[in-house]
């Protein structure tokens, strides 16, 4: 142990170790693995919304997305001890959610997002004219995204709406990084064509 000496010649106490940040996702997963319900609630509160949005994008059914969200976090509660930190916790959660959504999609091919209801919710902070413009733009983009193949749509969603890197998207989807880049290229080209045709 190295002991620092002050100007007065007295030994200064050794530097204290800094405890790991208690709010980090990895720390929470470790606590969850030990049965800590408060850590589970904290993780759920932190990641509920992005995981829900990802599920909704994949299944296009609000009630089903809520059900799957609960299943995702139930899996986290059960499997926290098996988390190996090869990817971030957020990436792990989205990968679990994707697996759940794909299974549900196979079971319920008729699930669809009610576009009219979603588009009818105005932004209370905006004036009516701006609301109409944003609604039109949002509706145009929503239709274009819905027209993409599931493979292209999920890549666009991960990278642009969830801010995932190509590497993280590849880990979530279980595909090569080069495949993610290729899908992004074709998805952007297709979106540009769809938006131009509809404008």
N, C-alpha and C. Protein backbone atom coordinates (compact mmCIF):
# COMPACT_ATOMS: atom_id res chain seq x y z
N UNK A 1 0.84 -1.18 0.00
CA UNK A 1 0.00 0.00 0.00
C UNK A 1 0.88 1.24 0.00
N UNK A 2 0.51 2.22 -0.83
CA UNK A 2 1.27 3.46 -0.89
C UNK A 2 0.60 4.47 0.03
N UNK A 3 1.38 5.06 0.92
CA UNK A 3 0.84 6.05 1.85
C UNK A 3 1.39 7.40 1.44
N UNK A 4 0.49 8.33 1.22
CA UNK A 4 0.91 9.69 0.84
C UNK A 4 1.33 10.45 2.09
N UNK A 5 2.32 11.30 1.92
CA UNK A 5 2.79 12.12 3.04
C UNK A 5 2.43 13.56 2.76
N UNK A 6 1.83 14.22 3.74
CA UNK A 6 1.43 15.62 3.57
C UNK A 6 2.63 16.53 3.79
N UNK A 7 2.45 17.83 3.55
CA UNK A 7 3.54 18.80 3.72
C UNK A 7 4.04 18.86 5.16
N UNK A 8 3.17 18.54 6.09
CA UNK A 8 3.57 18.60 7.50
C UNK A 8 4.34 17.36 7.92
N UNK A 9 4.46 16.40 7.00
CA UNK A 9 5.20 15.18 7.31
C UNK A 9 4.34 14.08 7.89
N UNK A 10 3.03 14.34 8.07
CA UNK A 10 2.13 13.31 8.60
C UNK A 10 1.63 12.45 7.44
N UNK A 11 1.40 11.21 7.75
CA UNK A 11 0.87 10.31 6.73
C UNK A 11 -0.60 10.62 6.48
N UNK A 12 -0.94 10.77 5.21
CA UNK A 12 -2.35 10.99 4.84
C UNK A 12 -3.04 9.64 4.74
N UNK A 13 -4.31 9.59 5.03
CA UNK A 13 -5.01 8.30 4.92
C UNK A 13 -5.01 7.83 3.47
N UNK A 14 -4.96 6.51 3.24
CA UNK A 14 -4.98 6.01 1.87
C UNK A 14 -6.28 6.42 1.17
N UNK A 15 -6.18 6.58 -0.15
CA UNK A 15 -7.37 6.97 -0.93
C UNK A 15 -8.43 5.88 -0.81
N UNK A 16 -9.68 6.31 -0.64
CA UNK A 16 -10.77 5.34 -0.51
C UNK A 16 -11.18 4.85 -1.88
N UNK A 17 -11.52 3.59 -1.94
CA UNK A 17 -12.02 3.05 -3.20
C UNK A 17 -13.41 3.60 -3.46
N UNK A 18 -13.64 3.93 -4.70
CA UNK A 18 -14.95 4.44 -5.05
C UNK A 18 -15.84 3.25 -5.36
N UNK A 19 -17.00 3.20 -4.74
CA UNK A 19 -17.94 2.10 -4.98
C UNK A 19 -18.47 2.21 -6.40
N UNK A 20 -18.80 1.07 -7.00
CA UNK A 20 -19.36 1.13 -8.35
C UNK A 20 -20.65 1.96 -8.35
N UNK A 21 -20.90 2.61 -9.46
CA UNK A 21 -22.08 3.45 -9.56
C UNK A 21 -23.33 2.60 -9.36
N UNK A 22 -24.10 2.95 -8.36
CA UNK A 22 -25.24 2.12 -8.01
C UNK A 22 -26.38 2.20 -9.01
N UNK A 23 -26.34 3.17 -9.90
CA UNK A 23 -27.44 3.28 -10.85
C UNK A 23 -27.13 2.63 -12.20
N UNK A 24 -25.96 2.05 -12.37
CA UNK A 24 -25.63 1.47 -13.67
C UNK A 24 -26.46 0.21 -13.92
N UNK A 25 -26.73 -0.03 -15.19
CA UNK A 25 -27.53 -1.20 -15.56
C UNK A 25 -26.88 -2.50 -15.13
N UNK A 26 -25.56 -2.60 -15.30
CA UNK A 26 -24.86 -3.84 -14.91
C UNK A 26 -25.00 -4.09 -13.41
N UNK A 27 -24.90 -3.02 -12.63
CA UNK A 27 -25.06 -3.16 -11.18
C UNK A 27 -26.47 -3.64 -10.85
N UNK A 28 -27.46 -3.05 -11.54
CA UNK A 28 -28.85 -3.45 -11.29
C UNK A 28 -29.07 -4.92 -11.64
N UNK A 29 -28.50 -5.37 -12.76
CA UNK A 29 -28.65 -6.78 -13.15
C UNK A 29 -28.05 -7.69 -12.08
N UNK A 30 -26.90 -7.30 -11.55
CA UNK A 30 -26.29 -8.08 -10.47
C UNK A 30 -27.19 -8.15 -9.25
N UNK A 31 -27.82 -7.03 -8.91
CA UNK A 31 -28.73 -7.01 -7.76
C UNK A 31 -29.98 -7.86 -8.05
N UNK A 32 -30.47 -7.79 -9.29
CA UNK A 32 -31.65 -8.58 -9.68
C UNK A 32 -31.33 -10.07 -9.58
N UNK A 33 -30.13 -10.44 -9.99
CA UNK A 33 -29.71 -11.85 -9.89
C UNK A 33 -29.74 -12.34 -8.45
N UNK A 34 -29.58 -11.40 -7.50
CA UNK A 34 -29.64 -11.75 -6.08
C UNK A 34 -31.04 -11.58 -5.49
N UNK A 35 -32.04 -11.36 -6.37
CA UNK A 35 -33.42 -11.27 -5.91
C UNK A 35 -33.86 -9.91 -5.42
N UNK A 36 -33.16 -8.84 -5.81
CA UNK A 36 -33.48 -7.49 -5.35
C UNK A 36 -34.63 -6.92 -6.19
N UNK A 37 -35.81 -6.82 -5.58
CA UNK A 37 -37.00 -6.35 -6.28
C UNK A 37 -36.92 -4.84 -6.59
N UNK A 38 -36.30 -4.08 -5.72
CA UNK A 38 -36.15 -2.64 -5.97
C UNK A 38 -35.29 -2.41 -7.21
N UNK A 39 -34.21 -3.18 -7.36
CA UNK A 39 -33.36 -3.07 -8.55
C UNK A 39 -34.17 -3.41 -9.80
N UNK A 40 -35.05 -4.41 -9.68
CA UNK A 40 -35.90 -4.79 -10.82
C UNK A 40 -36.83 -3.65 -11.19
N UNK A 41 -37.41 -3.00 -10.19
CA UNK A 41 -38.30 -1.87 -10.47
C UNK A 41 -37.53 -0.71 -11.12
N UNK A 42 -36.30 -0.49 -10.66
CA UNK A 42 -35.49 0.59 -11.23
C UNK A 42 -35.14 0.29 -12.69
N UNK A 43 -34.75 -0.94 -12.98
CA UNK A 43 -34.42 -1.32 -14.35
C UNK A 43 -35.65 -1.19 -15.25
N UNK A 44 -36.79 -1.65 -14.74
CA UNK A 44 -38.04 -1.56 -15.50
C UNK A 44 -38.38 -0.10 -15.81
N UNK A 45 -38.29 0.76 -14.80
CA UNK A 45 -38.60 2.18 -14.99
C UNK A 45 -37.68 2.82 -16.02
N UNK A 46 -36.42 2.42 -16.01
CA UNK A 46 -35.42 3.00 -16.91
C UNK A 46 -35.62 2.56 -18.36
N UNK A 47 -36.01 1.30 -18.56
CA UNK A 47 -36.03 0.75 -19.93
C UNK A 47 -37.42 0.43 -20.46
N UNK A 48 -38.45 0.64 -19.67
CA UNK A 48 -39.80 0.27 -20.08
C UNK A 48 -40.21 0.92 -21.40
N UNK A 49 -40.04 2.24 -21.50
CA UNK A 49 -40.52 2.95 -22.68
C UNK A 49 -39.80 2.56 -23.97
N UNK A 50 -38.45 2.56 -24.01
CA UNK A 50 -37.81 2.16 -25.28
C UNK A 50 -38.10 0.72 -25.67
N UNK A 51 -38.19 -0.19 -24.69
CA UNK A 51 -38.49 -1.59 -25.02
C UNK A 51 -39.93 -1.69 -25.52
N UNK A 52 -40.85 -0.96 -24.89
CA UNK A 52 -42.25 -0.98 -25.33
C UNK A 52 -42.36 -0.45 -26.77
N UNK A 53 -41.68 0.66 -27.06
CA UNK A 53 -41.75 1.22 -28.42
C UNK A 53 -41.19 0.25 -29.46
N UNK A 54 -40.11 -0.43 -29.11
CA UNK A 54 -39.50 -1.42 -30.00
C UNK A 54 -40.49 -2.56 -30.24
N UNK A 55 -41.14 -3.04 -29.17
CA UNK A 55 -42.14 -4.11 -29.31
C UNK A 55 -43.32 -3.65 -30.16
N UNK A 56 -43.78 -2.43 -29.91
CA UNK A 56 -44.91 -1.90 -30.67
C UNK A 56 -44.57 -1.80 -32.15
N UNK A 57 -43.34 -1.40 -32.45
CA UNK A 57 -42.91 -1.33 -33.85
C UNK A 57 -42.92 -2.71 -34.50
N UNK A 58 -42.58 -3.72 -33.73
CA UNK A 58 -42.50 -5.07 -34.29
C UNK A 58 -43.86 -5.76 -34.40
N UNK A 59 -44.74 -5.59 -33.40
CA UNK A 59 -46.01 -6.32 -33.41
C UNK A 59 -47.19 -5.48 -33.85
N UNK A 60 -47.07 -4.14 -33.77
CA UNK A 60 -48.11 -3.23 -34.22
C UNK A 60 -49.46 -3.47 -33.54
N UNK A 61 -49.39 -3.77 -32.25
CA UNK A 61 -50.60 -3.98 -31.46
C UNK A 61 -50.27 -3.56 -30.03
N UNK A 62 -50.94 -2.51 -29.54
CA UNK A 62 -50.59 -1.94 -28.24
C UNK A 62 -50.76 -2.93 -27.09
N UNK A 63 -51.90 -3.65 -27.08
CA UNK A 63 -52.15 -4.60 -25.99
C UNK A 63 -51.12 -5.72 -26.01
N UNK A 64 -50.82 -6.22 -27.20
CA UNK A 64 -49.82 -7.29 -27.32
C UNK A 64 -48.45 -6.79 -26.90
N UNK A 65 -48.11 -5.56 -27.29
CA UNK A 65 -46.81 -5.00 -26.90
C UNK A 65 -46.70 -4.88 -25.38
N UNK A 66 -47.78 -4.50 -24.72
CA UNK A 66 -47.78 -4.43 -23.24
C UNK A 66 -47.56 -5.81 -22.63
N UNK A 67 -48.27 -6.82 -23.18
CA UNK A 67 -48.10 -8.19 -22.68
C UNK A 67 -46.66 -8.67 -22.85
N UNK A 68 -46.11 -8.40 -24.03
CA UNK A 68 -44.75 -8.85 -24.31
C UNK A 68 -43.73 -8.10 -23.44
N UNK A 69 -44.00 -6.83 -23.16
CA UNK A 69 -43.13 -6.06 -22.28
C UNK A 69 -43.03 -6.74 -20.91
N UNK A 70 -44.16 -7.18 -20.39
CA UNK A 70 -44.16 -7.87 -19.11
C UNK A 70 -43.37 -9.18 -19.19
N UNK A 71 -43.52 -9.89 -20.31
CA UNK A 71 -42.78 -11.14 -20.51
C UNK A 71 -41.27 -10.90 -20.56
N UNK A 72 -40.88 -9.81 -21.23
CA UNK A 72 -39.45 -9.48 -21.33
C UNK A 72 -38.85 -9.30 -19.94
N UNK A 73 -39.51 -8.50 -19.12
CA UNK A 73 -38.96 -8.22 -17.79
C UNK A 73 -39.12 -9.40 -16.84
N UNK A 74 -40.08 -10.27 -17.09
CA UNK A 74 -40.16 -11.52 -16.32
C UNK A 74 -38.95 -12.40 -16.67
N UNK A 75 -38.58 -12.44 -17.95
CA UNK A 75 -37.38 -13.18 -18.36
C UNK A 75 -36.12 -12.59 -17.71
N UNK A 76 -36.07 -11.26 -17.65
CA UNK A 76 -34.91 -10.61 -17.02
C UNK A 76 -34.82 -11.03 -15.55
N UNK A 77 -35.95 -11.05 -14.86
CA UNK A 77 -35.97 -11.46 -13.45
C UNK A 77 -35.45 -12.89 -13.30
N UNK A 78 -35.87 -13.76 -14.22
CA UNK A 78 -35.49 -15.18 -14.14
C UNK A 78 -34.06 -15.43 -14.61
N UNK A 79 -33.58 -14.63 -15.59
CA UNK A 79 -32.31 -14.93 -16.24
C UNK A 79 -31.18 -13.95 -15.90
N UNK A 80 -31.39 -13.07 -14.95
CA UNK A 80 -30.38 -12.05 -14.64
C UNK A 80 -29.03 -12.68 -14.31
N UNK A 81 -29.04 -13.81 -13.63
CA UNK A 81 -27.78 -14.45 -13.25
C UNK A 81 -27.02 -14.97 -14.47
N UNK A 82 -27.72 -15.19 -15.58
CA UNK A 82 -27.08 -15.72 -16.79
C UNK A 82 -26.54 -14.61 -17.69
N UNK A 83 -26.80 -13.35 -17.35
CA UNK A 83 -26.33 -12.23 -18.17
C UNK A 83 -24.81 -12.18 -18.15
N UNK A 84 -24.19 -12.21 -19.35
CA UNK A 84 -22.73 -12.29 -19.45
C UNK A 84 -22.07 -10.98 -19.83
N UNK A 85 -22.83 -9.93 -20.01
CA UNK A 85 -22.30 -8.59 -20.32
C UNK A 85 -21.47 -8.55 -21.60
N UNK A 86 -21.80 -9.42 -22.56
CA UNK A 86 -21.12 -9.34 -23.86
C UNK A 86 -21.64 -8.15 -24.67
N UNK A 87 -22.82 -7.68 -24.30
CA UNK A 87 -23.41 -6.48 -24.89
C UNK A 87 -23.97 -5.67 -23.73
N UNK A 88 -24.43 -4.46 -24.02
CA UNK A 88 -25.01 -3.64 -22.95
C UNK A 88 -26.33 -4.25 -22.51
N UNK A 89 -26.78 -3.87 -21.34
CA UNK A 89 -28.07 -4.36 -20.83
C UNK A 89 -29.19 -3.94 -21.77
N UNK A 90 -29.13 -2.70 -22.28
CA UNK A 90 -30.17 -2.22 -23.19
C UNK A 90 -30.23 -3.08 -24.45
N UNK A 91 -29.08 -3.46 -24.98
CA UNK A 91 -29.03 -4.32 -26.16
C UNK A 91 -29.60 -5.70 -25.83
N UNK A 92 -29.26 -6.23 -24.67
CA UNK A 92 -29.79 -7.52 -24.23
C UNK A 92 -31.31 -7.48 -24.13
N UNK A 93 -31.85 -6.40 -23.56
CA UNK A 93 -33.30 -6.27 -23.41
C UNK A 93 -33.99 -6.23 -24.77
N UNK A 94 -33.42 -5.47 -25.72
CA UNK A 94 -34.02 -5.39 -27.05
C UNK A 94 -33.95 -6.72 -27.79
N UNK A 95 -32.88 -7.48 -27.55
CA UNK A 95 -32.77 -8.80 -28.18
C UNK A 95 -33.84 -9.75 -27.62
N UNK A 96 -34.05 -9.72 -26.31
CA UNK A 96 -35.11 -10.54 -25.70
C UNK A 96 -36.46 -10.12 -26.26
N UNK A 97 -36.68 -8.80 -26.34
CA UNK A 97 -37.95 -8.28 -26.84
C UNK A 97 -38.18 -8.70 -28.29
N UNK A 98 -37.14 -8.66 -29.09
CA UNK A 98 -37.28 -9.06 -30.49
C UNK A 98 -37.68 -10.52 -30.60
N UNK A 99 -37.05 -11.37 -29.81
CA UNK A 99 -37.38 -12.80 -29.82
C UNK A 99 -38.85 -13.00 -29.45
N UNK A 100 -39.31 -12.30 -28.42
CA UNK A 100 -40.71 -12.41 -27.99
C UNK A 100 -41.65 -11.93 -29.09
N UNK A 101 -41.30 -10.80 -29.72
CA UNK A 101 -42.15 -10.23 -30.76
C UNK A 101 -42.24 -11.14 -31.98
N UNK A 102 -41.13 -11.71 -32.39
CA UNK A 102 -41.14 -12.60 -33.56
C UNK A 102 -41.99 -13.83 -33.28
N UNK A 103 -41.89 -14.36 -32.07
CA UNK A 103 -42.73 -15.51 -31.70
C UNK A 103 -44.20 -15.13 -31.72
N UNK A 104 -44.52 -13.96 -31.18
CA UNK A 104 -45.90 -13.50 -31.15
C UNK A 104 -46.43 -13.21 -32.55
N UNK A 105 -45.56 -12.66 -33.40
CA UNK A 105 -45.97 -12.36 -34.77
C UNK A 105 -46.31 -13.62 -35.53
N UNK A 106 -45.55 -14.66 -35.27
CA UNK A 106 -45.86 -15.94 -35.92
C UNK A 106 -47.22 -16.46 -35.46
N UNK A 107 -47.54 -16.21 -34.18
CA UNK A 107 -48.82 -16.68 -33.64
C UNK A 107 -49.98 -15.78 -34.06
N UNK A 108 -49.71 -14.50 -34.21
CA UNK A 108 -50.79 -13.55 -34.51
C UNK A 108 -50.44 -12.70 -35.72
N UNK A 109 -50.57 -13.26 -36.88
CA UNK A 109 -50.20 -12.56 -38.10
C UNK A 109 -51.16 -11.41 -38.42
N UNK A 110 -52.35 -11.44 -37.82
CA UNK A 110 -53.33 -10.41 -38.13
C UNK A 110 -53.22 -9.17 -37.26
N UNK A 111 -52.24 -9.11 -36.35
CA UNK A 111 -52.11 -7.94 -35.46
C UNK A 111 -51.67 -6.72 -36.25
N UNK A 112 -52.38 -5.60 -36.10
CA UNK A 112 -52.04 -4.37 -36.83
C UNK A 112 -52.17 -3.17 -35.90
N UNK A 113 -51.33 -2.19 -36.14
CA UNK A 113 -51.39 -0.94 -35.39
C UNK A 113 -52.51 -0.07 -35.95
N UNK A 114 -53.31 0.48 -35.09
CA UNK A 114 -54.40 1.36 -35.50
C UNK A 114 -53.82 2.74 -35.82
N UNK A 115 -53.46 2.94 -37.09
CA UNK A 115 -52.81 4.19 -37.51
C UNK A 115 -53.69 5.42 -37.30
N UNK A 116 -55.00 5.28 -37.53
CA UNK A 116 -55.88 6.45 -37.38
C UNK A 116 -55.88 6.94 -35.93
N UNK A 117 -55.96 6.03 -34.98
CA UNK A 117 -55.98 6.42 -33.57
C UNK A 117 -54.66 7.06 -33.17
N UNK A 118 -53.54 6.45 -33.57
CA UNK A 118 -52.23 6.99 -33.22
C UNK A 118 -52.01 8.36 -33.84
N UNK A 119 -52.44 8.54 -35.08
CA UNK A 119 -52.23 9.82 -35.77
C UNK A 119 -53.17 10.91 -35.26
N UNK A 120 -54.29 10.52 -34.62
CA UNK A 120 -55.28 11.50 -34.17
C UNK A 120 -54.90 12.16 -32.85
N UNK A 121 -53.85 11.71 -32.20
CA UNK A 121 -53.45 12.30 -30.92
C UNK A 121 -52.61 13.54 -31.20
N UNK A 122 -53.15 14.73 -30.96
CA UNK A 122 -52.41 15.95 -31.27
C UNK A 122 -51.41 16.30 -30.18
N UNK A 123 -50.43 17.11 -30.56
CA UNK A 123 -49.46 17.64 -29.60
C UNK A 123 -50.07 18.88 -28.98
N UNK A 124 -50.37 18.86 -27.67
CA UNK A 124 -51.04 20.01 -27.07
C UNK A 124 -50.18 21.28 -27.07
N UNK A 125 -48.88 21.15 -27.24
CA UNK A 125 -48.00 22.31 -27.22
C UNK A 125 -47.94 23.02 -28.57
N UNK A 126 -48.46 22.39 -29.62
CA UNK A 126 -48.35 22.96 -30.95
C UNK A 126 -49.67 23.63 -31.36
N UNK A 127 -49.57 24.60 -32.27
CA UNK A 127 -50.78 25.23 -32.77
C UNK A 127 -51.45 24.29 -33.78
N UNK A 128 -52.75 24.49 -34.09
CA UNK A 128 -53.48 23.57 -34.97
C UNK A 128 -52.85 23.37 -36.35
N UNK A 129 -52.36 24.45 -36.95
CA UNK A 129 -51.74 24.32 -38.28
C UNK A 129 -50.50 23.43 -38.23
N UNK A 130 -49.68 23.66 -37.20
CA UNK A 130 -48.46 22.85 -37.05
C UNK A 130 -48.81 21.39 -36.77
N UNK A 131 -49.87 21.19 -35.97
CA UNK A 131 -50.31 19.82 -35.68
C UNK A 131 -50.68 19.11 -36.96
N UNK A 132 -51.41 19.79 -37.85
CA UNK A 132 -51.80 19.17 -39.12
C UNK A 132 -50.59 18.85 -39.99
N UNK A 133 -49.63 19.79 -40.05
CA UNK A 133 -48.43 19.54 -40.85
C UNK A 133 -47.65 18.35 -40.31
N UNK A 134 -47.47 18.33 -38.98
CA UNK A 134 -46.71 17.24 -38.37
C UNK A 134 -47.44 15.92 -38.51
N UNK A 135 -48.78 15.97 -38.43
CA UNK A 135 -49.57 14.76 -38.57
C UNK A 135 -49.42 14.19 -39.98
N UNK A 136 -49.47 15.09 -40.98
CA UNK A 136 -49.31 14.65 -42.37
C UNK A 136 -47.92 14.04 -42.59
N UNK A 137 -46.89 14.72 -42.09
CA UNK A 137 -45.52 14.23 -42.25
C UNK A 137 -45.33 12.91 -41.50
N UNK A 138 -45.86 12.86 -40.29
CA UNK A 138 -45.75 11.66 -39.47
C UNK A 138 -46.48 10.50 -40.13
N UNK A 139 -47.66 10.78 -40.66
CA UNK A 139 -48.46 9.74 -41.33
C UNK A 139 -47.73 9.23 -42.57
N UNK A 140 -47.14 10.15 -43.32
CA UNK A 140 -46.40 9.77 -44.53
C UNK A 140 -45.23 8.87 -44.16
N UNK A 141 -44.48 9.25 -43.13
CA UNK A 141 -43.34 8.44 -42.70
C UNK A 141 -43.79 7.10 -42.14
N UNK A 142 -44.88 7.11 -41.37
CA UNK A 142 -45.39 5.86 -40.79
C UNK A 142 -45.79 4.87 -41.89
N UNK A 143 -46.46 5.41 -42.92
CA UNK A 143 -46.85 4.53 -44.04
C UNK A 143 -45.62 3.99 -44.76
N UNK A 144 -44.65 4.86 -44.97
CA UNK A 144 -43.43 4.43 -45.65
C UNK A 144 -42.71 3.35 -44.84
N UNK A 145 -42.59 3.56 -43.52
CA UNK A 145 -41.94 2.56 -42.66
C UNK A 145 -42.71 1.25 -42.66
N UNK A 146 -44.05 1.33 -42.65
CA UNK A 146 -44.88 0.12 -42.64
C UNK A 146 -44.75 -0.64 -43.95
N UNK A 147 -44.37 0.06 -45.03
CA UNK A 147 -44.22 -0.59 -46.33
C UNK A 147 -42.90 -1.35 -46.46
N UNK A 148 -41.95 -1.05 -45.58
CA UNK A 148 -40.68 -1.76 -45.64
C UNK A 148 -40.86 -3.21 -45.23
N UNK A 149 -39.98 -4.07 -45.68
CA UNK A 149 -40.01 -5.46 -45.24
C UNK A 149 -39.69 -5.49 -43.75
N UNK A 150 -40.12 -6.54 -43.02
CA UNK A 150 -39.80 -6.61 -41.59
C UNK A 150 -38.30 -6.51 -41.31
N UNK A 151 -37.47 -7.11 -42.17
CA UNK A 151 -36.02 -7.08 -41.98
C UNK A 151 -35.48 -5.65 -42.08
N UNK A 152 -35.96 -4.90 -43.09
CA UNK A 152 -35.49 -3.53 -43.27
C UNK A 152 -36.07 -2.62 -42.20
N UNK A 153 -37.34 -2.82 -41.85
CA UNK A 153 -38.00 -1.99 -40.86
C UNK A 153 -37.36 -2.07 -39.48
N UNK A 154 -36.99 -3.28 -39.07
CA UNK A 154 -36.42 -3.41 -37.73
C UNK A 154 -35.01 -2.80 -37.65
N UNK A 155 -34.27 -2.83 -38.75
CA UNK A 155 -32.95 -2.20 -38.77
C UNK A 155 -33.08 -0.69 -38.66
N UNK A 156 -34.00 -0.11 -39.43
CA UNK A 156 -34.23 1.34 -39.38
C UNK A 156 -34.67 1.73 -37.97
N UNK A 157 -35.57 0.97 -37.39
CA UNK A 157 -36.08 1.27 -36.06
C UNK A 157 -34.97 1.25 -35.02
N UNK A 158 -34.13 0.22 -35.06
CA UNK A 158 -33.05 0.11 -34.09
C UNK A 158 -32.05 1.25 -34.21
N UNK A 159 -31.64 1.56 -35.43
CA UNK A 159 -30.59 2.55 -35.63
C UNK A 159 -31.10 3.97 -35.44
N UNK A 160 -32.26 4.30 -36.01
CA UNK A 160 -32.74 5.68 -35.96
C UNK A 160 -33.59 6.00 -34.74
N UNK A 161 -34.42 5.07 -34.31
CA UNK A 161 -35.32 5.38 -33.19
C UNK A 161 -34.75 4.95 -31.84
N UNK A 162 -33.90 3.94 -31.84
CA UNK A 162 -33.32 3.49 -30.58
C UNK A 162 -31.85 3.88 -30.46
N UNK A 163 -31.29 4.51 -31.49
CA UNK A 163 -29.93 5.02 -31.44
C UNK A 163 -28.87 3.95 -31.29
N UNK A 164 -29.14 2.75 -31.78
CA UNK A 164 -28.17 1.67 -31.67
C UNK A 164 -27.13 1.76 -32.78
N UNK A 165 -25.92 1.35 -32.45
CA UNK A 165 -24.85 1.31 -33.46
C UNK A 165 -25.07 0.11 -34.36
N UNK A 166 -24.33 0.05 -35.45
CA UNK A 166 -24.41 -1.10 -36.35
C UNK A 166 -24.06 -2.38 -35.60
N UNK A 167 -23.03 -2.30 -34.74
CA UNK A 167 -22.61 -3.47 -33.97
C UNK A 167 -23.71 -3.94 -33.02
N UNK A 168 -24.34 -2.97 -32.33
CA UNK A 168 -25.40 -3.32 -31.40
C UNK A 168 -26.61 -3.89 -32.13
N UNK A 169 -26.97 -3.28 -33.27
CA UNK A 169 -28.09 -3.78 -34.06
C UNK A 169 -27.82 -5.21 -34.53
N UNK A 170 -26.59 -5.47 -34.95
CA UNK A 170 -26.22 -6.82 -35.38
C UNK A 170 -26.36 -7.82 -34.24
N UNK A 171 -25.97 -7.41 -33.03
CA UNK A 171 -26.08 -8.29 -31.86
C UNK A 171 -27.54 -8.57 -31.53
N UNK A 172 -28.39 -7.55 -31.59
CA UNK A 172 -29.81 -7.72 -31.29
C UNK A 172 -30.48 -8.62 -32.31
N UNK A 173 -30.16 -8.42 -33.59
CA UNK A 173 -30.81 -9.16 -34.67
C UNK A 173 -30.18 -10.52 -34.94
N UNK A 174 -28.98 -10.73 -34.40
CA UNK A 174 -28.29 -11.99 -34.62
C UNK A 174 -27.79 -12.16 -36.05
N UNK A 175 -27.35 -11.04 -36.64
CA UNK A 175 -26.84 -11.08 -38.02
C UNK A 175 -25.48 -10.38 -38.04
N UNK A 176 -24.79 -10.48 -39.18
CA UNK A 176 -23.48 -9.85 -39.33
C UNK A 176 -23.63 -8.33 -39.48
N UNK A 177 -22.59 -7.59 -39.07
CA UNK A 177 -22.61 -6.14 -39.21
C UNK A 177 -22.76 -5.72 -40.67
N UNK A 178 -22.12 -6.46 -41.57
CA UNK A 178 -22.22 -6.15 -42.99
C UNK A 178 -23.67 -6.28 -43.48
N UNK A 179 -24.40 -7.24 -42.92
CA UNK A 179 -25.81 -7.42 -43.29
C UNK A 179 -26.63 -6.24 -42.80
N UNK A 180 -26.33 -5.74 -41.61
CA UNK A 180 -27.03 -4.56 -41.09
C UNK A 180 -26.80 -3.38 -42.02
N UNK A 181 -25.55 -3.17 -42.44
CA UNK A 181 -25.23 -2.06 -43.33
C UNK A 181 -25.95 -2.19 -44.67
N UNK A 182 -26.00 -3.40 -45.19
CA UNK A 182 -26.68 -3.63 -46.47
C UNK A 182 -28.16 -3.34 -46.34
N UNK A 183 -28.76 -3.83 -45.26
CA UNK A 183 -30.20 -3.60 -45.06
C UNK A 183 -30.49 -2.11 -44.87
N UNK A 184 -29.59 -1.41 -44.16
CA UNK A 184 -29.77 0.03 -43.97
C UNK A 184 -29.73 0.75 -45.32
N UNK A 185 -28.80 0.36 -46.18
CA UNK A 185 -28.67 0.99 -47.49
C UNK A 185 -29.96 0.83 -48.29
N UNK A 186 -30.47 -0.40 -48.38
CA UNK A 186 -31.67 -0.65 -49.16
C UNK A 186 -32.91 -0.04 -48.50
N UNK A 187 -32.96 -0.04 -47.17
CA UNK A 187 -34.10 0.55 -46.47
C UNK A 187 -34.16 2.05 -46.71
N UNK A 188 -33.01 2.75 -46.63
CA UNK A 188 -32.99 4.20 -46.87
C UNK A 188 -33.42 4.51 -48.31
N UNK A 189 -32.92 3.71 -49.24
CA UNK A 189 -33.28 3.94 -50.64
C UNK A 189 -34.78 3.74 -50.87
N UNK A 190 -35.32 2.68 -50.27
CA UNK A 190 -36.74 2.39 -50.42
C UNK A 190 -37.59 3.48 -49.75
N UNK A 191 -37.17 3.95 -48.56
CA UNK A 191 -37.91 5.01 -47.88
C UNK A 191 -37.92 6.29 -48.72
N UNK A 192 -36.77 6.62 -49.30
CA UNK A 192 -36.70 7.83 -50.14
C UNK A 192 -37.65 7.71 -51.33
N UNK A 193 -37.71 6.53 -51.95
CA UNK A 193 -38.61 6.32 -53.08
C UNK A 193 -40.07 6.45 -52.64
N UNK A 194 -40.43 5.84 -51.50
CA UNK A 194 -41.80 5.88 -51.03
C UNK A 194 -42.24 7.29 -50.66
N UNK A 195 -41.36 8.02 -49.97
CA UNK A 195 -41.70 9.38 -49.56
C UNK A 195 -41.83 10.28 -50.79
N UNK A 196 -40.94 10.12 -51.76
CA UNK A 196 -40.99 10.93 -52.98
C UNK A 196 -42.26 10.64 -53.76
N UNK A 197 -42.64 9.37 -53.85
CA UNK A 197 -43.85 8.99 -54.59
C UNK A 197 -45.11 9.52 -53.92
N UNK A 198 -45.11 9.58 -52.60
CA UNK A 198 -46.31 10.01 -51.88
C UNK A 198 -46.41 11.52 -51.77
N UNK A 199 -45.29 12.24 -51.97
CA UNK A 199 -45.29 13.71 -51.80
C UNK A 199 -45.97 14.40 -52.96
